[in-house]
N, C-alpha and C. Protein backbone atom coordinates (compact mmCIF):
# COMPACT_ATOMS: atom_id res chain seq x y z
N LEU A 1 100.30 113.17 117.72
CA LEU A 1 99.30 112.94 116.51
C LEU A 1 99.91 113.73 115.17
N MET A 2 99.41 113.33 114.13
CA MET A 2 99.83 114.09 112.79
C MET A 2 98.57 114.17 111.83
N PRO A 3 98.28 114.90 110.86
CA PRO A 3 97.29 115.18 110.26
C PRO A 3 97.35 114.03 109.14
N LEU A 4 95.64 113.56 109.09
CA LEU A 4 95.75 112.34 108.12
C LEU A 4 96.15 112.68 106.74
N ASP A 5 96.22 113.68 106.24
CA ASP A 5 97.13 113.85 104.70
C ASP A 5 98.35 113.69 104.83
N MET A 6 99.18 113.60 105.82
CA MET A 6 100.55 113.08 105.58
C MET A 6 101.05 111.74 105.65
N LEU A 7 99.55 110.87 105.78
CA LEU A 7 99.55 109.40 105.49
C LEU A 7 99.85 109.08 103.96
N ARG A 8 100.51 107.59 103.72
CA ARG A 8 100.63 107.50 102.13
C ARG A 8 99.53 106.42 102.15
N ALA A 9 99.46 105.86 100.74
CA ALA A 9 99.09 104.55 100.28
C ALA A 9 99.35 103.43 101.19
N GLY A 10 98.44 102.58 101.66
CA GLY A 10 98.30 101.43 102.45
C GLY A 10 98.83 101.61 104.01
N GLU A 11 98.90 102.71 104.41
CA GLU A 11 99.49 103.05 105.67
C GLU A 11 98.05 102.72 106.62
N TRP A 12 98.18 102.39 107.92
CA TRP A 12 97.19 102.29 108.91
C TRP A 12 97.52 103.46 109.84
N ALA A 13 96.37 103.78 110.80
CA ALA A 13 96.30 104.72 111.64
C ALA A 13 95.33 104.56 112.47
N GLU A 14 95.42 105.01 113.57
CA GLU A 14 94.20 105.40 114.71
C GLU A 14 93.75 106.78 114.45
N VAL A 15 92.18 106.69 114.95
CA VAL A 15 92.02 108.21 114.76
C VAL A 15 92.40 109.27 116.37
N GLY A 16 92.84 109.99 116.41
CA GLY A 16 92.86 110.57 117.88
C GLY A 16 92.20 111.74 117.89
N GLU A 17 91.80 112.43 117.13
CA GLU A 17 90.77 113.72 116.93
C GLU A 17 90.35 114.05 115.88
N VAL A 18 89.14 114.60 116.03
CA VAL A 18 88.40 115.24 114.76
C VAL A 18 87.81 116.51 114.99
N SER A 19 88.22 117.50 114.25
CA SER A 19 88.05 118.52 114.66
C SER A 19 87.26 119.47 113.34
N GLY A 20 86.83 120.62 113.54
CA GLY A 20 85.98 121.41 112.75
C GLY A 20 84.58 121.77 113.13
N GLU A 21 83.63 122.05 111.93
CA GLU A 21 82.42 122.39 111.95
C GLU A 21 81.46 121.33 112.88
N PRO A 22 80.88 121.61 113.79
CA PRO A 22 80.29 120.37 114.21
C PRO A 22 79.39 119.40 113.79
N GLY A 23 78.55 120.11 112.74
CA GLY A 23 77.63 119.05 111.73
C GLY A 23 78.42 118.13 111.10
N TRP A 24 79.79 118.81 110.44
CA TRP A 24 80.58 117.64 109.64
C TRP A 24 81.28 116.85 110.72
N VAL A 25 81.62 116.91 112.02
CA VAL A 25 82.17 115.80 112.73
C VAL A 25 80.97 115.12 112.99
N ALA A 26 79.93 115.36 113.38
CA ALA A 26 79.07 114.26 113.45
C ALA A 26 78.66 113.40 112.41
N ARG A 27 78.72 114.28 111.05
CA ARG A 27 78.35 113.28 110.23
C ARG A 27 79.46 112.18 109.82
N LEU A 28 80.89 112.77 109.91
CA LEU A 28 81.66 111.78 109.92
C LEU A 28 81.68 110.43 110.92
N ALA A 29 81.53 110.86 112.14
CA ALA A 29 81.09 110.07 113.20
C ALA A 29 80.04 109.03 112.82
N GLU A 30 78.83 109.36 112.31
CA GLU A 30 77.96 108.55 111.66
C GLU A 30 78.29 107.88 111.00
N MET A 31 79.39 107.80 110.00
CA MET A 31 80.00 107.15 108.56
C MET A 31 81.14 106.23 109.59
N GLY A 32 81.35 106.13 111.02
CA GLY A 32 82.45 105.53 111.35
C GLY A 32 83.74 106.43 111.80
N LEU A 33 83.79 107.53 111.21
CA LEU A 33 85.25 107.91 111.13
C LEU A 33 85.40 108.66 112.64
N ARG A 34 85.53 108.21 113.71
CA ARG A 34 85.66 108.92 114.78
C ARG A 34 86.92 108.44 115.90
N GLU A 35 87.16 109.26 117.11
CA GLU A 35 88.30 109.24 117.79
C GLU A 35 87.97 107.65 118.38
N GLY A 36 89.38 106.93 117.85
CA GLY A 36 89.59 105.82 118.52
C GLY A 36 89.47 104.76 117.06
N CYS A 37 88.92 105.16 116.10
CA CYS A 37 88.94 104.22 114.93
C CYS A 37 90.23 103.81 114.12
N ARG A 38 90.33 102.56 113.79
CA ARG A 38 91.20 102.57 113.01
C ARG A 38 90.87 102.44 111.56
N LEU A 39 91.88 102.85 110.42
CA LEU A 39 91.48 103.26 109.29
C LEU A 39 92.61 102.90 108.54
N GLN A 40 92.67 102.81 106.98
CA GLN A 40 93.60 102.41 105.92
C GLN A 40 93.44 103.64 104.82
N VAL A 41 94.88 104.36 104.59
CA VAL A 41 94.57 105.14 103.51
C VAL A 41 94.73 104.40 102.09
N LEU A 42 93.73 104.29 101.33
CA LEU A 42 93.60 103.48 100.01
C LEU A 42 94.37 104.33 98.84
N ARG A 43 94.18 105.67 98.66
CA ARG A 43 94.71 106.63 97.84
C ARG A 43 94.65 107.97 98.62
N PRO A 44 95.65 108.18 98.85
CA PRO A 44 96.12 110.08 99.19
C PRO A 44 95.78 110.77 98.24
N GLY A 45 95.85 112.07 98.94
CA GLY A 45 95.47 113.20 97.86
C GLY A 45 94.92 114.11 97.99
N ALA A 46 94.49 115.08 97.01
CA ALA A 46 93.12 116.08 97.01
C ALA A 46 92.19 115.18 97.45
N THR A 47 91.53 114.49 96.81
CA THR A 47 90.58 113.68 97.25
C THR A 47 90.67 112.26 97.66
N CYS A 48 91.41 112.00 99.08
CA CYS A 48 91.55 110.66 99.60
C CYS A 48 90.76 109.67 99.84
N LEU A 49 91.11 108.30 99.81
CA LEU A 49 90.20 107.58 99.78
C LEU A 49 90.44 106.50 100.97
N LEU A 50 89.47 106.16 102.03
CA LEU A 50 89.90 105.72 103.20
C LEU A 50 88.75 104.26 103.24
N GLN A 51 89.65 103.32 104.05
CA GLN A 51 88.71 102.03 104.38
C GLN A 51 88.71 102.41 106.05
N VAL A 52 87.45 102.21 106.51
CA VAL A 52 87.11 102.63 107.82
C VAL A 52 85.88 101.37 108.21
N ASP A 53 86.45 100.54 108.77
CA ASP A 53 85.73 98.98 109.14
C ASP A 53 85.40 98.62 107.64
N GLN A 54 84.09 98.19 107.39
CA GLN A 54 83.88 97.93 105.93
C GLN A 54 83.30 98.51 105.26
N CYS A 55 83.66 100.00 105.28
CA CYS A 55 83.36 101.41 104.52
C CYS A 55 84.35 101.97 103.57
N ARG A 56 84.13 102.46 102.60
CA ARG A 56 85.12 102.83 102.28
C ARG A 56 84.54 104.80 102.26
N LEU A 57 85.49 105.51 102.46
CA LEU A 57 85.16 107.07 102.55
C LEU A 57 85.91 107.79 101.76
N CYS A 58 85.39 108.91 101.06
CA CYS A 58 86.13 109.88 100.14
C CYS A 58 85.97 110.97 100.59
N LEU A 59 87.26 111.65 100.87
CA LEU A 59 87.55 113.06 101.79
C LEU A 59 88.26 114.19 100.50
N ARG A 60 87.76 115.22 100.62
CA ARG A 60 88.24 116.34 99.77
C ARG A 60 89.43 116.57 100.80
N ASP A 61 90.80 117.11 100.44
CA ASP A 61 91.91 117.64 100.80
C ASP A 61 91.66 118.55 102.09
N GLU A 62 90.67 119.36 101.96
CA GLU A 62 90.82 120.66 102.90
C GLU A 62 90.11 119.87 104.36
N HIS A 63 89.69 118.71 104.46
CA HIS A 63 89.18 118.03 105.59
C HIS A 63 90.26 117.26 105.92
N GLY A 64 91.23 116.56 105.29
CA GLY A 64 92.15 116.05 105.93
C GLY A 64 92.95 116.59 107.26
N SER A 65 93.27 117.86 106.78
CA SER A 65 94.26 118.49 107.68
C SER A 65 93.48 118.28 109.30
N GLN A 66 92.05 118.28 109.48
CA GLN A 66 91.32 118.36 110.53
C GLN A 66 91.02 116.94 111.30
N ILE A 67 91.89 116.21 110.58
CA ILE A 67 91.56 114.79 111.48
C ILE A 67 93.02 114.29 111.63
N LEU A 68 93.42 114.52 113.23
CA LEU A 68 94.76 113.86 113.43
C LEU A 68 94.87 112.53 113.89
N VAL A 69 95.65 111.81 113.60
CA VAL A 69 95.88 110.17 113.47
C VAL A 69 97.55 109.93 114.45
N ARG A 70 97.51 108.35 114.81
CA ARG A 70 98.45 108.17 115.15
C ARG A 70 99.00 106.98 114.49
N PRO A 71 99.95 106.60 113.31
CA PRO A 71 99.95 105.47 112.75
C PRO A 71 100.11 104.25 113.25
N VAL A 72 99.74 103.41 112.85
CA VAL A 72 99.75 101.98 113.61
C VAL A 72 100.13 100.84 112.69
N PRO A 73 100.54 99.76 113.09
CA PRO A 73 101.11 98.60 112.17
C PRO A 73 99.64 97.96 111.97
N ALA A 74 100.01 97.55 110.45
CA ALA A 74 98.76 97.05 109.78
C ALA A 74 98.15 95.68 110.58
């Protein structure tokens, strides 16, 4: 597993673990970002943009390292 913030634009990954404050983890799960989901990095950086299912999520950099992913083919 590697931190989400290590992925580049266009890369796909599967979420392996989401850690942090329980309320934040629960909120991400409500938006579809949970263990086992697939995502695509649309824009990496301090405010990364992700495609999760039919949703786009924007996360600040300090949260990207709390989401561990495994790269997968598109």
